[in-house]
Amino acid sequence: MVVMKKIEKPSEKDREDFISKGSQTPADVKKKDENEWTNILIRIKKSALKQVDERVESRMGMWRTGWILEAIQEKLDADI
C-alpha cells in the first residue's frame, strides 16, 4: 500500500531567503584561496604502487596519500 504525504509549500519568506543567498559567480570562484584542497584521479602502474606501499609500511603513522603528497612537495622544492 502506498501512503501519500502532503508536502507543504515553502513560505514566501523561505523562498526569498533562499533566493537572496544566491550562487557563486566565476569571479567568486577565482577568488578562492589557492591553498584549498581538491581531488585528482591518477593512473599509476601496479608495480610503482607496490613500491609506494612498501615505503609507506616502513613509516609508522604514514598513509599512502600522505606519502605521495610528501613526494610531490619534495619534487616541487627540488625544482626551485
Protein backbone atom coordinates (compact mmCIF):
# COMPACT_ATOMS: atom_id res chain seq x y z
CA MET A 1 0.00 0.00 0.00
CA VAL A 2 1.34 3.43 -0.95
CA VAL A 3 0.79 6.24 1.52
CA MET A 4 0.77 9.73 0.08
CA LYS A 5 2.05 12.52 2.28
CA LYS A 6 1.03 16.08 1.67
CA ILE A 7 4.08 18.26 1.00
CA GLU A 8 3.91 21.73 2.41
CA LYS A 9 4.90 24.55 0.11
CA PRO A 10 7.64 26.84 1.41
CA SER A 11 6.53 30.19 2.72
CA GLU A 12 7.21 33.38 0.80
CA LYS A 13 9.86 34.29 3.38
CA ASP A 14 11.62 30.93 2.91
CA ARG A 15 11.64 31.48 -0.85
CA GLU A 16 13.04 34.99 -0.52
CA ASP A 17 15.72 33.82 1.93
CA PHE A 18 16.76 31.06 -0.46
CA ILE A 19 16.92 33.40 -3.46
CA SER A 20 18.84 36.07 -1.56
CA LYS A 21 21.63 33.59 -0.75
CA GLY A 22 22.47 33.50 -4.44
CA SER A 23 25.19 31.44 -6.01
CA GLN A 24 28.85 31.82 -6.79
CA THR A 25 29.89 33.73 -9.86
CA PRO A 26 33.02 32.86 -11.88
CA ALA A 27 34.74 35.83 -10.20
CA ASP A 28 33.93 34.36 -6.77
CA VAL A 29 35.44 31.03 -7.77
CA LYS A 30 38.67 32.70 -8.94
CA LYS A 31 38.99 34.49 -5.59
CA LYS A 32 39.13 31.23 -3.66
CA ASP A 33 42.29 30.54 -1.72
CA GLU A 34 44.73 28.55 -3.83
CA ASN A 35 45.66 26.51 -0.76
CA GLU A 36 42.28 24.77 -0.81
CA TRP A 37 42.35 21.04 -1.42
CA THR A 38 40.97 19.32 -4.49
CA ASN A 39 40.74 15.72 -5.64
CA ILE A 40 42.50 14.27 -8.65
CA LEU A 41 42.39 10.91 -10.35
CA ILE A 42 45.71 9.46 -11.46
CA ARG A 43 46.81 6.31 -13.23
CA ILE A 44 49.83 4.53 -11.81
CA LYS A 45 51.43 1.20 -12.63
CA LYS A 46 50.75 -1.55 -10.12
CA SER A 47 54.47 -2.10 -9.70
CA ALA A 48 55.03 1.56 -8.76
CA LEU A 49 52.11 1.48 -6.33
CA LYS A 50 53.55 -1.64 -4.74
CA GLN A 51 56.82 0.22 -4.20
CA VAL A 52 54.97 3.16 -2.66
CA ASP A 53 53.08 0.81 -0.34
CA GLU A 54 56.33 -0.86 0.74
CA ARG A 55 57.79 2.51 1.71
CA VAL A 56 54.58 3.57 3.44
CA GLU A 57 54.54 0.38 5.54
CA SER A 58 58.02 1.20 6.85
CA ARG A 59 56.84 4.58 8.22
CA MET A 60 54.58 4.40 11.24
CA GLY A 61 51.54 6.66 11.02
CA MET A 62 52.00 7.40 7.32
CA TRP A 63 49.25 6.80 4.78
CA ARG A 64 49.69 6.30 1.06
CA THR A 65 48.16 9.69 0.26
CA GLY A 66 50.44 11.43 2.75
CA TRP A 67 53.49 9.74 1.28
CA ILE A 68 52.51 10.76 -2.25
CA LEU A 69 51.85 14.36 -1.16
CA GLU A 70 55.24 14.44 0.57
CA ALA A 71 56.94 13.13 -2.58
CA ILE A 72 55.22 15.78 -4.70
CA GLN A 73 56.32 18.51 -2.28
CA GLU A 74 59.92 17.24 -2.34
CA LYS A 75 59.90 17.29 -6.14
CA LEU A 76 58.44 20.80 -6.22
CA ASP A 77 61.04 22.03 -3.70
CA ALA A 78 63.88 20.44 -5.68
CA ASP A 79 62.80 22.13 -8.92
CA ILE A 80 63.03 25.63 -7.42
